């Protein structure tokens, strides 16, 4: 869901620190008119998805924690073998 919000970003010419500030559509238009490049993006669709299935339990979290202690955790996670 895009709400039309705008922002601008720049690096400080003195210290090179990155800065980002929210901006109204009018300010964004003014910056474009002054020659600033526009970069459009949208939030990933996954943020709008709602998970299905059972809720994560404390036991699930503990099992996952124990799984991560093993060196072979990635293959165990993929195959479901434990």
N, C-alpha and C. Protein backbone atom coordinates (compact mmCIF):
# COMPACT_ATOMS: atom_id res chain seq x y z
N UNK A 1 0.85 -1.17 0.00
CA UNK A 1 0.00 0.00 0.00
C UNK A 1 0.89 1.23 0.00
N UNK A 2 0.75 2.03 -1.01
CA UNK A 2 1.54 3.25 -1.11
C UNK A 2 0.69 4.43 -0.70
N UNK A 3 1.24 5.26 0.16
CA UNK A 3 0.47 6.40 0.67
C UNK A 3 0.90 7.72 0.03
N UNK A 4 1.81 7.66 -0.94
CA UNK A 4 2.24 8.87 -1.62
C UNK A 4 3.22 9.71 -0.82
N UNK A 5 3.72 9.18 0.29
CA UNK A 5 4.67 9.92 1.11
C UNK A 5 5.96 10.15 0.33
N UNK A 6 6.64 11.22 0.66
CA UNK A 6 7.90 11.53 0.00
C UNK A 6 8.99 11.82 1.00
N UNK A 7 10.20 11.77 0.51
CA UNK A 7 11.37 12.06 1.34
C UNK A 7 12.51 12.43 0.42
N UNK A 8 13.54 13.02 1.00
CA UNK A 8 14.75 13.27 0.24
C UNK A 8 15.93 12.84 1.08
N UNK A 9 17.00 12.51 0.39
CA UNK A 9 18.21 12.07 1.09
C UNK A 9 19.41 12.74 0.45
N UNK A 10 20.43 12.93 1.27
CA UNK A 10 21.65 13.55 0.78
C UNK A 10 22.78 13.21 1.73
N UNK A 11 23.99 13.48 1.31
CA UNK A 11 25.16 13.33 2.17
C UNK A 11 25.68 14.72 2.51
N UNK A 12 26.02 14.91 3.77
CA UNK A 12 26.57 16.18 4.20
C UNK A 12 27.89 16.40 3.46
N UNK A 13 28.06 17.55 2.83
CA UNK A 13 29.30 17.81 2.10
C UNK A 13 30.53 17.95 3.01
N UNK A 14 30.31 18.20 4.28
CA UNK A 14 31.42 18.36 5.22
C UNK A 14 31.87 17.03 5.82
N UNK A 15 30.90 16.25 6.34
CA UNK A 15 31.28 15.02 7.05
C UNK A 15 30.86 13.75 6.34
N UNK A 16 30.12 13.85 5.24
CA UNK A 16 29.66 12.72 4.43
C UNK A 16 28.63 11.84 5.15
N UNK A 17 28.04 12.33 6.23
CA UNK A 17 26.99 11.59 6.92
C UNK A 17 25.73 11.63 6.07
N UNK A 18 25.06 10.48 5.96
CA UNK A 18 23.81 10.41 5.20
C UNK A 18 22.68 10.99 6.03
N UNK A 19 21.80 11.71 5.38
CA UNK A 19 20.63 12.29 6.04
C UNK A 19 19.40 12.02 5.19
N UNK A 20 18.29 11.72 5.83
CA UNK A 20 17.02 11.47 5.14
C UNK A 20 15.95 12.28 5.88
N UNK A 21 15.13 12.98 5.11
CA UNK A 21 14.07 13.80 5.70
C UNK A 21 12.76 13.59 4.94
N UNK A 22 11.67 13.51 5.67
CA UNK A 22 10.36 13.44 5.04
C UNK A 22 10.10 14.76 4.33
N UNK A 23 9.31 14.69 3.24
CA UNK A 23 9.01 15.90 2.49
C UNK A 23 7.60 15.81 1.92
N UNK A 24 6.93 16.93 1.87
CA UNK A 24 5.59 17.00 1.28
C UNK A 24 5.69 16.84 -0.23
N UNK A 25 4.58 16.51 -0.88
CA UNK A 25 4.61 16.43 -2.35
C UNK A 25 5.10 17.73 -2.99
N UNK A 26 4.77 18.87 -2.40
CA UNK A 26 5.22 20.15 -2.96
C UNK A 26 6.74 20.30 -2.89
N UNK A 27 7.32 19.89 -1.77
CA UNK A 27 8.78 19.96 -1.63
C UNK A 27 9.45 18.99 -2.60
N UNK A 28 8.88 17.79 -2.75
CA UNK A 28 9.44 16.82 -3.70
C UNK A 28 9.40 17.38 -5.12
N UNK A 29 8.29 18.03 -5.47
CA UNK A 29 8.18 18.63 -6.81
C UNK A 29 9.22 19.73 -6.98
N UNK A 30 9.43 20.54 -5.96
CA UNK A 30 10.43 21.61 -6.02
C UNK A 30 11.83 21.03 -6.21
N UNK A 31 12.14 19.97 -5.50
CA UNK A 31 13.46 19.33 -5.64
C UNK A 31 13.65 18.74 -7.04
N UNK A 32 12.59 18.13 -7.59
CA UNK A 32 12.68 17.60 -8.96
C UNK A 32 12.91 18.76 -9.94
N UNK A 33 12.17 19.85 -9.75
CA UNK A 33 12.30 21.02 -10.63
C UNK A 33 13.72 21.61 -10.56
N UNK A 34 14.35 21.49 -9.40
CA UNK A 34 15.72 22.01 -9.22
C UNK A 34 16.77 21.06 -9.80
N UNK A 35 16.32 19.89 -10.30
CA UNK A 35 17.27 18.98 -10.95
C UNK A 35 17.64 17.75 -10.15
N UNK A 36 17.03 17.55 -9.00
CA UNK A 36 17.32 16.35 -8.21
C UNK A 36 16.71 15.13 -8.89
N UNK A 37 17.42 14.03 -8.81
CA UNK A 37 16.91 12.79 -9.36
C UNK A 37 15.80 12.23 -8.49
N UNK A 38 14.79 11.68 -9.13
CA UNK A 38 13.70 11.06 -8.40
C UNK A 38 13.91 9.55 -8.38
N UNK A 39 13.68 8.96 -7.23
CA UNK A 39 13.76 7.51 -7.07
C UNK A 39 12.45 7.06 -6.47
N UNK A 40 11.71 6.24 -7.19
CA UNK A 40 10.43 5.73 -6.69
C UNK A 40 10.60 4.31 -6.20
N UNK A 41 9.92 4.00 -5.14
CA UNK A 41 9.92 2.63 -4.64
C UNK A 41 8.63 2.40 -3.88
N UNK A 42 8.33 1.14 -3.69
CA UNK A 42 7.12 0.73 -2.98
C UNK A 42 7.50 -0.27 -1.90
N UNK A 43 6.69 -0.32 -0.88
CA UNK A 43 6.90 -1.33 0.15
C UNK A 43 6.70 -2.71 -0.47
N UNK A 44 7.46 -3.70 -0.03
CA UNK A 44 7.28 -5.05 -0.57
C UNK A 44 5.88 -5.58 -0.28
N UNK A 45 5.31 -6.30 -1.24
CA UNK A 45 3.97 -6.86 -1.08
C UNK A 45 3.90 -7.81 0.10
N UNK A 46 5.02 -8.42 0.46
CA UNK A 46 5.03 -9.37 1.59
C UNK A 46 4.60 -8.71 2.89
N UNK A 47 4.77 -7.41 3.01
CA UNK A 47 4.36 -6.73 4.24
C UNK A 47 2.84 -6.73 4.42
N UNK A 48 2.12 -6.90 3.32
CA UNK A 48 0.67 -6.92 3.40
C UNK A 48 0.12 -8.33 3.59
N UNK A 49 0.97 -9.34 3.41
CA UNK A 49 0.52 -10.72 3.56
C UNK A 49 0.31 -11.05 5.03
N UNK A 50 -0.67 -11.86 5.28
CA UNK A 50 -0.93 -12.34 6.63
C UNK A 50 -0.62 -13.82 6.67
N UNK A 51 0.21 -14.23 7.60
CA UNK A 51 0.59 -15.65 7.65
C UNK A 51 -0.62 -16.52 7.99
N UNK A 52 -0.56 -17.74 7.46
CA UNK A 52 -1.58 -18.72 7.78
C UNK A 52 -0.93 -19.83 8.58
N UNK A 53 -1.73 -20.66 9.17
CA UNK A 53 -1.18 -21.76 9.93
C UNK A 53 -1.16 -21.45 11.41
N UNK A 54 -0.65 -22.39 12.17
CA UNK A 54 -0.65 -22.20 13.63
C UNK A 54 0.31 -21.10 14.06
N UNK A 55 0.00 -20.49 15.19
CA UNK A 55 0.86 -19.45 15.74
C UNK A 55 2.16 -20.06 16.26
N UNK A 56 3.20 -19.29 16.23
CA UNK A 56 4.49 -19.70 16.78
C UNK A 56 4.37 -19.79 18.30
N UNK A 57 4.82 -20.90 18.85
CA UNK A 57 4.74 -21.09 20.30
C UNK A 57 6.12 -20.93 20.93
N UNK A 58 6.14 -20.88 22.24
CA UNK A 58 7.41 -20.82 22.97
C UNK A 58 8.23 -22.08 22.69
N UNK A 59 7.56 -23.22 22.60
CA UNK A 59 8.26 -24.47 22.29
C UNK A 59 8.88 -24.42 20.89
N UNK A 60 8.16 -23.85 19.93
CA UNK A 60 8.71 -23.71 18.58
C UNK A 60 9.98 -22.86 18.61
N UNK A 61 9.93 -21.78 19.36
CA UNK A 61 11.09 -20.89 19.46
C UNK A 61 12.27 -21.60 20.12
N UNK A 62 12.01 -22.37 21.16
CA UNK A 62 13.07 -23.13 21.82
C UNK A 62 13.65 -24.17 20.88
N UNK A 63 12.80 -24.89 20.15
CA UNK A 63 13.29 -25.88 19.17
C UNK A 63 14.18 -25.21 18.13
N UNK A 64 13.78 -24.04 17.66
CA UNK A 64 14.58 -23.32 16.67
C UNK A 64 15.92 -22.90 17.26
N UNK A 65 15.90 -22.44 18.48
CA UNK A 65 17.14 -22.06 19.17
C UNK A 65 18.08 -23.25 19.28
N UNK A 66 17.56 -24.39 19.66
CA UNK A 66 18.39 -25.60 19.77
C UNK A 66 18.90 -26.04 18.41
N UNK A 67 18.09 -25.89 17.39
CA UNK A 67 18.50 -26.23 16.03
C UNK A 67 19.69 -25.38 15.59
N UNK A 68 19.69 -24.11 15.94
CA UNK A 68 20.77 -23.21 15.53
C UNK A 68 22.10 -23.53 16.22
N UNK A 69 22.06 -24.29 17.29
CA UNK A 69 23.31 -24.64 17.99
C UNK A 69 24.13 -25.66 17.21
N UNK A 70 23.49 -26.43 16.32
CA UNK A 70 24.19 -27.44 15.54
C UNK A 70 24.82 -26.81 14.30
N UNK A 71 25.97 -27.38 13.88
CA UNK A 71 26.63 -26.88 12.67
C UNK A 71 25.83 -27.20 11.42
N UNK A 72 25.01 -28.23 11.47
CA UNK A 72 24.28 -28.69 10.30
C UNK A 72 22.84 -28.16 10.29
N UNK A 73 22.60 -27.01 10.90
CA UNK A 73 21.24 -26.53 11.10
C UNK A 73 20.53 -26.19 9.80
N UNK A 74 21.27 -25.74 8.77
CA UNK A 74 20.58 -25.35 7.53
C UNK A 74 19.94 -26.54 6.84
N UNK A 75 20.67 -27.64 6.74
CA UNK A 75 20.09 -28.81 6.07
C UNK A 75 18.96 -29.40 6.91
N UNK A 76 19.11 -29.36 8.24
CA UNK A 76 18.04 -29.87 9.10
C UNK A 76 16.78 -29.01 8.96
N UNK A 77 16.97 -27.72 8.82
CA UNK A 77 15.82 -26.82 8.69
C UNK A 77 15.10 -27.07 7.37
N UNK A 78 15.87 -27.28 6.29
CA UNK A 78 15.29 -27.50 4.98
C UNK A 78 14.57 -28.85 4.89
N UNK A 79 15.22 -29.90 5.39
CA UNK A 79 14.65 -31.24 5.27
C UNK A 79 13.64 -31.55 6.36
N UNK A 80 13.72 -30.87 7.48
CA UNK A 80 12.83 -31.16 8.59
C UNK A 80 13.29 -32.34 9.42
N UNK A 81 14.47 -32.90 9.09
CA UNK A 81 15.00 -34.03 9.86
C UNK A 81 15.65 -33.51 11.12
N UNK A 82 15.35 -34.12 12.20
CA UNK A 82 15.97 -33.74 13.47
C UNK A 82 16.17 -34.96 14.32
